[in-house]
N, C-alpha and C. Protein backbone atom coordinates (compact mmCIF):
# COMPACT_ATOMS: atom_id res chain seq x y z
N MET A 1 -2.89 -27.60 -8.85
CA MET A 1 -1.51 -27.29 -8.54
C MET A 1 -1.35 -26.58 -7.20
N TRP A 2 -2.29 -25.71 -6.89
CA TRP A 2 -2.10 -24.84 -5.72
C TRP A 2 -2.30 -25.54 -4.39
N ILE A 3 -3.06 -26.60 -4.35
CA ILE A 3 -3.26 -27.29 -3.06
C ILE A 3 -1.90 -27.71 -2.50
N ARG A 4 -1.11 -28.39 -3.29
CA ARG A 4 0.20 -28.84 -2.84
C ARG A 4 1.14 -27.67 -2.59
N LEU A 5 1.09 -26.65 -3.44
CA LEU A 5 2.00 -25.52 -3.30
C LEU A 5 1.73 -24.71 -2.03
N VAL A 6 0.47 -24.47 -1.74
CA VAL A 6 0.13 -23.73 -0.51
C VAL A 6 0.59 -24.52 0.71
N ASN A 7 0.33 -25.81 0.71
CA ASN A 7 0.76 -26.65 1.83
C ASN A 7 2.28 -26.67 1.96
N LYS A 8 2.97 -26.75 0.84
CA LYS A 8 4.44 -26.77 0.82
C LYS A 8 5.03 -25.49 1.42
N LEU A 9 4.35 -24.36 1.22
CA LEU A 9 4.89 -23.07 1.64
C LEU A 9 4.31 -22.58 2.97
N GLY A 10 3.69 -23.46 3.74
CA GLY A 10 3.33 -23.10 5.10
C GLY A 10 1.87 -22.85 5.39
N GLY A 11 1.02 -22.93 4.40
CA GLY A 11 -0.41 -22.74 4.63
C GLY A 11 -1.14 -24.07 4.61
N THR A 12 -2.43 -23.99 4.80
CA THR A 12 -3.29 -25.16 4.66
C THR A 12 -4.36 -24.81 3.64
N HIS A 13 -4.42 -25.58 2.59
CA HIS A 13 -5.43 -25.35 1.55
C HIS A 13 -6.70 -26.07 1.99
N GLN A 14 -7.77 -25.33 2.21
CA GLN A 14 -9.02 -25.91 2.70
C GLN A 14 -9.91 -26.43 1.57
N GLY A 15 -9.54 -26.16 0.34
CA GLY A 15 -10.29 -26.69 -0.79
C GLY A 15 -10.83 -25.62 -1.70
N TYR A 16 -11.41 -26.08 -2.78
CA TYR A 16 -12.07 -25.22 -3.76
C TYR A 16 -13.57 -25.41 -3.61
N PHE A 17 -14.31 -24.34 -3.75
CA PHE A 17 -15.76 -24.38 -3.57
C PHE A 17 -16.44 -23.71 -4.76
N LEU A 18 -17.41 -24.41 -5.31
CA LEU A 18 -18.22 -23.92 -6.42
C LEU A 18 -19.66 -23.77 -5.95
N PRO A 19 -20.39 -22.85 -6.54
CA PRO A 19 -21.79 -22.69 -6.14
C PRO A 19 -22.61 -23.92 -6.49
N HIS A 20 -23.51 -24.26 -5.59
CA HIS A 20 -24.46 -25.34 -5.86
C HIS A 20 -25.64 -24.78 -6.66
N GLU A 21 -26.01 -23.56 -6.33
CA GLU A 21 -27.06 -22.84 -7.05
C GLU A 21 -26.60 -21.39 -7.20
N GLY A 22 -27.21 -20.67 -8.09
CA GLY A 22 -26.87 -19.26 -8.26
C GLY A 22 -25.81 -19.07 -9.33
N ALA A 23 -25.03 -18.01 -9.17
CA ALA A 23 -24.01 -17.65 -10.17
C ALA A 23 -23.07 -18.83 -10.41
N ASN A 24 -22.75 -19.05 -11.68
CA ASN A 24 -21.87 -20.18 -12.00
C ASN A 24 -20.51 -19.71 -12.51
N ASN A 25 -20.21 -18.44 -12.31
CA ASN A 25 -18.92 -17.92 -12.76
C ASN A 25 -18.01 -17.51 -11.60
N VAL A 26 -18.27 -18.05 -10.42
CA VAL A 26 -17.48 -17.72 -9.23
C VAL A 26 -17.09 -19.03 -8.55
N ALA A 27 -15.85 -19.09 -8.12
CA ALA A 27 -15.37 -20.21 -7.33
C ALA A 27 -14.51 -19.64 -6.21
N TYR A 28 -14.42 -20.36 -5.13
CA TYR A 28 -13.63 -19.90 -3.99
C TYR A 28 -12.56 -20.93 -3.67
N ALA A 29 -11.37 -20.44 -3.40
CA ALA A 29 -10.27 -21.27 -2.91
C ALA A 29 -9.98 -20.75 -1.51
N LEU A 30 -10.08 -21.60 -0.52
CA LEU A 30 -9.86 -21.18 0.86
C LEU A 30 -8.54 -21.72 1.38
N PHE A 31 -7.74 -20.82 1.91
CA PHE A 31 -6.46 -21.15 2.53
C PHE A 31 -6.48 -20.65 3.96
N THR A 32 -5.79 -21.33 4.84
CA THR A 32 -5.61 -20.81 6.20
C THR A 32 -4.12 -20.79 6.51
N PHE A 33 -3.77 -19.85 7.37
CA PHE A 33 -2.40 -19.69 7.85
C PHE A 33 -2.46 -19.45 9.34
N PRO A 34 -1.41 -19.83 10.06
CA PRO A 34 -1.42 -19.65 11.52
C PRO A 34 -1.55 -18.18 11.95
N SER A 35 -1.10 -17.26 11.09
CA SER A 35 -1.16 -15.84 11.44
C SER A 35 -1.04 -15.01 10.17
N LEU A 36 -1.30 -13.72 10.27
CA LEU A 36 -1.11 -12.83 9.13
C LEU A 36 0.37 -12.78 8.76
N ALA A 37 1.25 -12.82 9.75
CA ALA A 37 2.69 -12.83 9.47
C ALA A 37 3.08 -14.07 8.66
N ALA A 38 2.50 -15.21 8.99
CA ALA A 38 2.78 -16.45 8.24
C ALA A 38 2.29 -16.31 6.80
N TYR A 39 1.16 -15.65 6.62
CA TYR A 39 0.65 -15.43 5.26
C TYR A 39 1.60 -14.54 4.48
N GLU A 40 2.09 -13.49 5.10
CA GLU A 40 3.03 -12.59 4.43
C GLU A 40 4.31 -13.33 4.06
N GLU A 41 4.79 -14.22 4.92
CA GLU A 41 5.96 -15.05 4.60
C GLU A 41 5.66 -15.94 3.40
N TYR A 42 4.46 -16.51 3.36
CA TYR A 42 4.04 -17.34 2.23
C TYR A 42 4.09 -16.54 0.94
N ARG A 43 3.62 -15.30 0.97
CA ARG A 43 3.62 -14.47 -0.25
C ARG A 43 5.03 -14.23 -0.77
N VAL A 44 5.99 -14.02 0.14
CA VAL A 44 7.38 -13.82 -0.26
C VAL A 44 7.93 -15.10 -0.87
N LYS A 45 7.71 -16.23 -0.20
CA LYS A 45 8.19 -17.53 -0.70
C LYS A 45 7.56 -17.85 -2.05
N MET A 46 6.26 -17.57 -2.18
CA MET A 46 5.53 -17.88 -3.40
C MET A 46 6.12 -17.12 -4.59
N ALA A 47 6.46 -15.85 -4.37
CA ALA A 47 7.00 -15.03 -5.46
C ALA A 47 8.34 -15.55 -5.96
N LEU A 48 9.07 -16.26 -5.11
CA LEU A 48 10.40 -16.76 -5.47
C LEU A 48 10.39 -18.23 -5.90
N ASP A 49 9.29 -18.93 -5.74
CA ASP A 49 9.22 -20.36 -5.97
C ASP A 49 8.98 -20.68 -7.45
N ALA A 50 9.84 -21.51 -8.03
CA ALA A 50 9.74 -21.86 -9.45
C ALA A 50 8.43 -22.58 -9.77
N GLU A 51 7.97 -23.48 -8.89
CA GLU A 51 6.71 -24.19 -9.14
C GLU A 51 5.52 -23.22 -9.13
N CYS A 52 5.56 -22.24 -8.25
CA CYS A 52 4.48 -21.25 -8.21
C CYS A 52 4.47 -20.43 -9.50
N GLN A 53 5.65 -20.08 -9.98
CA GLN A 53 5.73 -19.34 -11.24
C GLN A 53 5.15 -20.16 -12.39
N GLU A 54 5.41 -21.47 -12.38
CA GLU A 54 4.82 -22.35 -13.40
C GLU A 54 3.30 -22.37 -13.29
N ALA A 55 2.79 -22.40 -12.06
CA ALA A 55 1.34 -22.42 -11.85
C ALA A 55 0.71 -21.11 -12.35
N TYR A 56 1.36 -19.99 -12.10
CA TYR A 56 0.86 -18.71 -12.61
C TYR A 56 0.87 -18.70 -14.14
N LYS A 57 1.94 -19.20 -14.72
CA LYS A 57 2.04 -19.25 -16.18
C LYS A 57 0.92 -20.11 -16.77
N PHE A 58 0.65 -21.26 -16.13
CA PHE A 58 -0.43 -22.13 -16.57
C PHE A 58 -1.77 -21.38 -16.53
N ALA A 59 -2.02 -20.64 -15.44
CA ALA A 59 -3.27 -19.90 -15.30
C ALA A 59 -3.40 -18.83 -16.39
N GLU A 60 -2.31 -18.16 -16.71
CA GLU A 60 -2.33 -17.14 -17.77
C GLU A 60 -2.62 -17.78 -19.13
N GLU A 61 -1.95 -18.90 -19.40
CA GLU A 61 -2.12 -19.55 -20.70
C GLU A 61 -3.51 -20.13 -20.89
N THR A 62 -4.06 -20.73 -19.85
CA THR A 62 -5.35 -21.40 -19.97
C THR A 62 -6.54 -20.50 -19.62
N LYS A 63 -6.24 -19.35 -19.02
CA LYS A 63 -7.27 -18.42 -18.58
C LYS A 63 -8.26 -19.08 -17.60
N CYS A 64 -7.72 -20.01 -16.79
CA CYS A 64 -8.57 -20.69 -15.81
C CYS A 64 -8.87 -19.79 -14.60
N ILE A 65 -8.12 -18.71 -14.45
CA ILE A 65 -8.41 -17.70 -13.42
C ILE A 65 -8.69 -16.40 -14.15
N LEU A 66 -9.92 -15.94 -14.07
CA LEU A 66 -10.30 -14.71 -14.77
C LEU A 66 -10.09 -13.47 -13.92
N SER A 67 -10.25 -13.62 -12.62
CA SER A 67 -9.98 -12.51 -11.70
C SER A 67 -9.58 -13.10 -10.36
N TYR A 68 -8.95 -12.28 -9.56
CA TYR A 68 -8.42 -12.74 -8.29
C TYR A 68 -8.68 -11.66 -7.25
N GLU A 69 -9.36 -12.02 -6.21
CA GLU A 69 -9.65 -11.09 -5.12
C GLU A 69 -9.32 -11.77 -3.81
N ARG A 70 -8.70 -11.03 -2.90
CA ARG A 70 -8.37 -11.60 -1.59
C ARG A 70 -9.30 -11.02 -0.54
N SER A 71 -9.71 -11.85 0.37
CA SER A 71 -10.48 -11.44 1.54
C SER A 71 -9.86 -12.13 2.74
N PHE A 72 -9.80 -11.43 3.83
CA PHE A 72 -9.26 -12.00 5.07
C PHE A 72 -10.42 -12.17 6.04
N MET A 73 -10.60 -13.38 6.50
CA MET A 73 -11.72 -13.69 7.40
C MET A 73 -11.18 -14.34 8.65
N ARG A 74 -12.00 -14.34 9.67
CA ARG A 74 -11.67 -15.04 10.89
C ARG A 74 -12.91 -15.78 11.36
N PRO A 75 -12.71 -16.87 12.08
CA PRO A 75 -13.88 -17.62 12.55
C PRO A 75 -14.63 -16.82 13.62
N ILE A 76 -15.93 -17.00 13.65
CA ILE A 76 -16.74 -16.33 14.65
C ILE A 76 -16.48 -16.93 16.04
N PHE A 77 -16.39 -18.25 16.08
CA PHE A 77 -16.13 -18.94 17.33
C PHE A 77 -14.78 -19.63 17.23
N GLU A 78 -13.95 -19.46 18.22
CA GLU A 78 -12.63 -20.12 18.21
C GLU A 78 -12.55 -21.11 19.31
């Protein structure tokens, strides 16, 4: 659900990543935004978007997201 929603609200969803080896209880979803300000705008839009609320409800009901942590990264070489 989130790939389309992130793209709809101004970000680019880079995909979901699962470990090939090692811990099997962690997955990563990578999103990019043109700027931190664009990300903050996305957060406001997301909180008001009916489809996003449905996606959150689905995650709560199915427990497909056990925890959520945000990290902000930047590329080493631009």
